[in-house]
Amino acid sequence: MLVAVIRPLESHTVELTGKSLEDVHVQLTEHAPAGFDLVSAPARMLKGAQGIETTARFDRRDGTREIEAEDMDTLLGMVPDGWQMLSVRRA
């Protein structure tokens, strides 16, 4: 028997503009949805003005569950659309 841990694949993006990196950082923590982690937020200087802008991407990291099957092919077929397999172990 094989047991796999799976989790949903979901992303959320938000455009932010701030006066400084510290300001943008505060906004990032305020905009982080529950269960999501910040995975990318490249900073860009505003053209013709003082400030920084970013497109932040948050990915879901919660909601794991286990699925079981006799073989790897069956296990792979059981992973729902919009989910990813994190690990597999023998039970």
C-alpha atoms as a PDB file:
ATOM      1  CA  MET A   1       0.000   0.000   0.000  1.00  0.00           C
ATOM      2  CA  LEU A   2       1.280   3.483  -0.911  1.00  0.00           C
ATOM      3  CA  VAL A   3       0.245   6.622   0.949  1.00  0.00           C
ATOM      4  CA  ALA A   4       0.680  10.072  -0.617  1.00  0.00           C
ATOM      5  CA  VAL A   5       0.382  13.495   0.973  1.00  0.00           C
ATOM      6  CA  ILE A   6      -1.312  15.999  -1.356  1.00  0.00           C
ATOM      7  CA  ARG A   7      -2.229  19.690  -1.102  1.00  0.00           C
ATOM      8  CA  PRO A   8      -4.211  22.147  -3.207  1.00  0.00           C
ATOM      9  CA  LEU A   9      -2.398  24.288  -5.777  1.00  0.00           C
ATOM     10  CA  GLU A  10      -3.736  27.796  -5.458  1.00  0.00           C
ATOM     11  CA  SER A  11      -2.106  31.195  -5.976  1.00  0.00           C
ATOM     12  CA  HIS A  12      -3.167  34.730  -5.193  1.00  0.00           C
ATOM     13  CA  THR A  13      -1.475  37.852  -6.600  1.00  0.00           C
ATOM     14  CA  VAL A  14      -1.710  41.449  -5.502  1.00  0.00           C
ATOM     15  CA  GLU A  15      -0.197  44.693  -6.836  1.00  0.00           C
ATOM     16  CA  LEU A  16       1.265  46.946  -4.122  1.00  0.00           C
ATOM     17  CA  THR A  17       2.877  50.374  -4.096  1.00  0.00           C
ATOM     18  CA  GLY A  18       4.699  51.869  -1.124  1.00  0.00           C
ATOM     19  CA  LYS A  19       6.975  54.707  -0.124  1.00  0.00           C
ATOM     20  CA  SER A  20       9.779  52.351   1.017  1.00  0.00           C
ATOM     21  CA  LEU A  21      10.681  48.673   1.271  1.00  0.00           C
ATOM     22  CA  GLU A  22       9.493  48.709   4.872  1.00  0.00           C
ATOM     23  CA  ASP A  23       6.123  50.124   3.772  1.00  0.00           C
ATOM     24  CA  VAL A  24       5.771  47.441   1.096  1.00  0.00           C
ATOM     25  CA  HIS A  25       6.727  44.746   3.624  1.00  0.00           C
ATOM     26  CA  VAL A  26       3.982  45.891   6.012  1.00  0.00           C
ATOM     27  CA  GLN A  27       1.463  45.808   3.160  1.00  0.00           C
ATOM     28  CA  LEU A  28       2.589  42.312   2.165  1.00  0.00           C
ATOM     29  CA  THR A  29       1.880  40.951   5.639  1.00  0.00           C
ATOM     30  CA  GLU A  30      -1.541  42.653   5.631  1.00  0.00           C
ATOM     31  CA  HIS A  31      -2.481  41.157   2.236  1.00  0.00           C
ATOM     32  CA  ALA A  32      -1.370  37.566   2.950  1.00  0.00           C
ATOM     33  CA  PRO A  33      -4.470  35.332   2.887  1.00  0.00           C
ATOM     34  CA  ALA A  34      -4.788  32.725   5.665  1.00  0.00           C
ATOM     35  CA  GLY A  35      -3.033  29.496   4.703  1.00  0.00           C
ATOM     36  CA  PHE A  36      -0.936  31.181   2.000  1.00  0.00           C
ATOM     37  CA  ASP A  37       2.807  31.927   2.026  1.00  0.00           C
ATOM     38  CA  LEU A  38       4.550  34.728   0.155  1.00  0.00           C
ATOM     39  CA  VAL A  39       6.643  33.119  -2.602  1.00  0.00           C
ATOM     40  CA  SER A  40       7.570  36.095  -4.772  1.00  0.00           C
ATOM     41  CA  ALA A  41       7.532  39.886  -4.533  1.00  0.00           C
ATOM     42  CA  PRO A  42      10.107  41.484  -6.829  1.00  0.00           C
ATOM     43  CA  ALA A  43      10.472  45.195  -6.039  1.00  0.00           C
ATOM     44  CA  ARG A  44      10.612  47.849  -8.769  1.00  0.00           C
ATOM     45  CA  MET A  45      11.353  51.539  -8.413  1.00  0.00           C
ATOM     46  CA  LEU A  46       8.571  53.819  -9.652  1.00  0.00           C
ATOM     47  CA  LYS A  47       9.520  55.817 -12.730  1.00  0.00           C
ATOM     48  CA  GLY A  48       9.333  59.569 -12.290  1.00  0.00           C
ATOM     49  CA  ALA A  49       8.293  59.346  -8.628  1.00  0.00           C
ATOM     50  CA  GLN A  50       9.579  58.172  -5.278  1.00  0.00           C
ATOM     51  CA  GLY A  51       8.360  54.788  -4.216  1.00  0.00           C
ATOM     52  CA  ILE A  52       8.421  51.087  -4.854  1.00  0.00           C
ATOM     53  CA  GLU A  53       5.924  48.783  -6.491  1.00  0.00           C
ATOM     54  CA  THR A  54       5.644  45.004  -6.504  1.00  0.00           C
ATOM     55  CA  THR A  55       3.500  42.190  -7.782  1.00  0.00           C
ATOM     56  CA  ALA A  56       3.310  39.789  -4.863  1.00  0.00           C
ATOM     57  CA  ARG A  57       2.432  36.124  -5.293  1.00  0.00           C
ATOM     58  CA  PHE A  58       1.094  34.032  -2.436  1.00  0.00           C
ATOM     59  CA  ASP A  59       0.722  30.238  -2.736  1.00  0.00           C
ATOM     60  CA  ARG A  60      -1.537  28.057  -0.601  1.00  0.00           C
ATOM     61  CA  ARG A  61       0.462  25.868   1.775  1.00  0.00           C
ATOM     62  CA  ASP A  62      -2.242  24.425   4.026  1.00  0.00           C
ATOM     63  CA  GLY A  63      -4.975  21.877   3.463  1.00  0.00           C
ATOM     64  CA  THR A  64      -2.860  18.727   3.129  1.00  0.00           C
ATOM     65  CA  ARG A  65      -4.516  15.336   3.113  1.00  0.00           C
ATOM     66  CA  GLU A  66      -3.531  11.724   2.465  1.00  0.00           C
ATOM     67  CA  ILE A  67      -4.637   9.337  -0.266  1.00  0.00           C
ATOM     68  CA  GLU A  68      -3.905   5.597  -0.520  1.00  0.00           C
ATOM     69  CA  ALA A  69      -3.514   3.150  -3.404  1.00  0.00           C
ATOM     70  CA  GLU A  70      -1.872  -0.176  -4.213  1.00  0.00           C
ATOM     71  CA  ASP A  71       0.467   1.184  -6.907  1.00  0.00           C
ATOM     72  CA  MET A  72       1.970   4.463  -8.110  1.00  0.00           C
ATOM     73  CA  ASP A  73      -0.096   4.715 -11.314  1.00  0.00           C
ATOM     74  CA  THR A  74      -3.350   4.404  -9.361  1.00  0.00           C
ATOM     75  CA  LEU A  75      -2.082   6.885  -6.780  1.00  0.00           C
ATOM     76  CA  LEU A  76      -1.216   9.436  -9.480  1.00  0.00           C
ATOM     77  CA  GLY A  77      -4.673   9.002 -10.993  1.00  0.00           C
ATOM     78  CA  MET A  78      -6.274   9.793  -7.629  1.00  0.00           C
ATOM     79  CA  VAL A  79      -4.687  13.255  -7.332  1.00  0.00           C
ATOM     80  CA  PRO A  80      -7.549  15.700  -8.040  1.00  0.00           C
ATOM     81  CA  ASP A  81      -7.159  18.540 -10.557  1.00  0.00           C
ATOM     82  CA  GLY A  82      -5.704  21.575  -8.836  1.00  0.00           C
ATOM     83  CA  TRP A  83      -3.754  19.492  -6.300  1.00  0.00           C
ATOM     84  CA  GLN A  84      -0.126  18.354  -6.143  1.00  0.00           C
ATOM     85  CA  MET A  85       1.530  15.326  -4.614  1.00  0.00           C
ATOM     86  CA  LEU A  86       4.128  16.218  -1.981  1.00  0.00           C
ATOM     87  CA  SER A  87       5.392  12.832  -0.831  1.00  0.00           C
ATOM     88  CA  VAL A  88       4.810   9.089  -1.078  1.00  0.00           C
ATOM     89  CA  ARG A  89       5.558   6.404   1.476  1.00  0.00           C
ATOM     90  CA  ARG A  90       4.898   2.687   1.876  1.00  0.00           C
ATOM     91  CA  ALA A  91       2.380   1.785   4.539  1.00  0.00           C
END
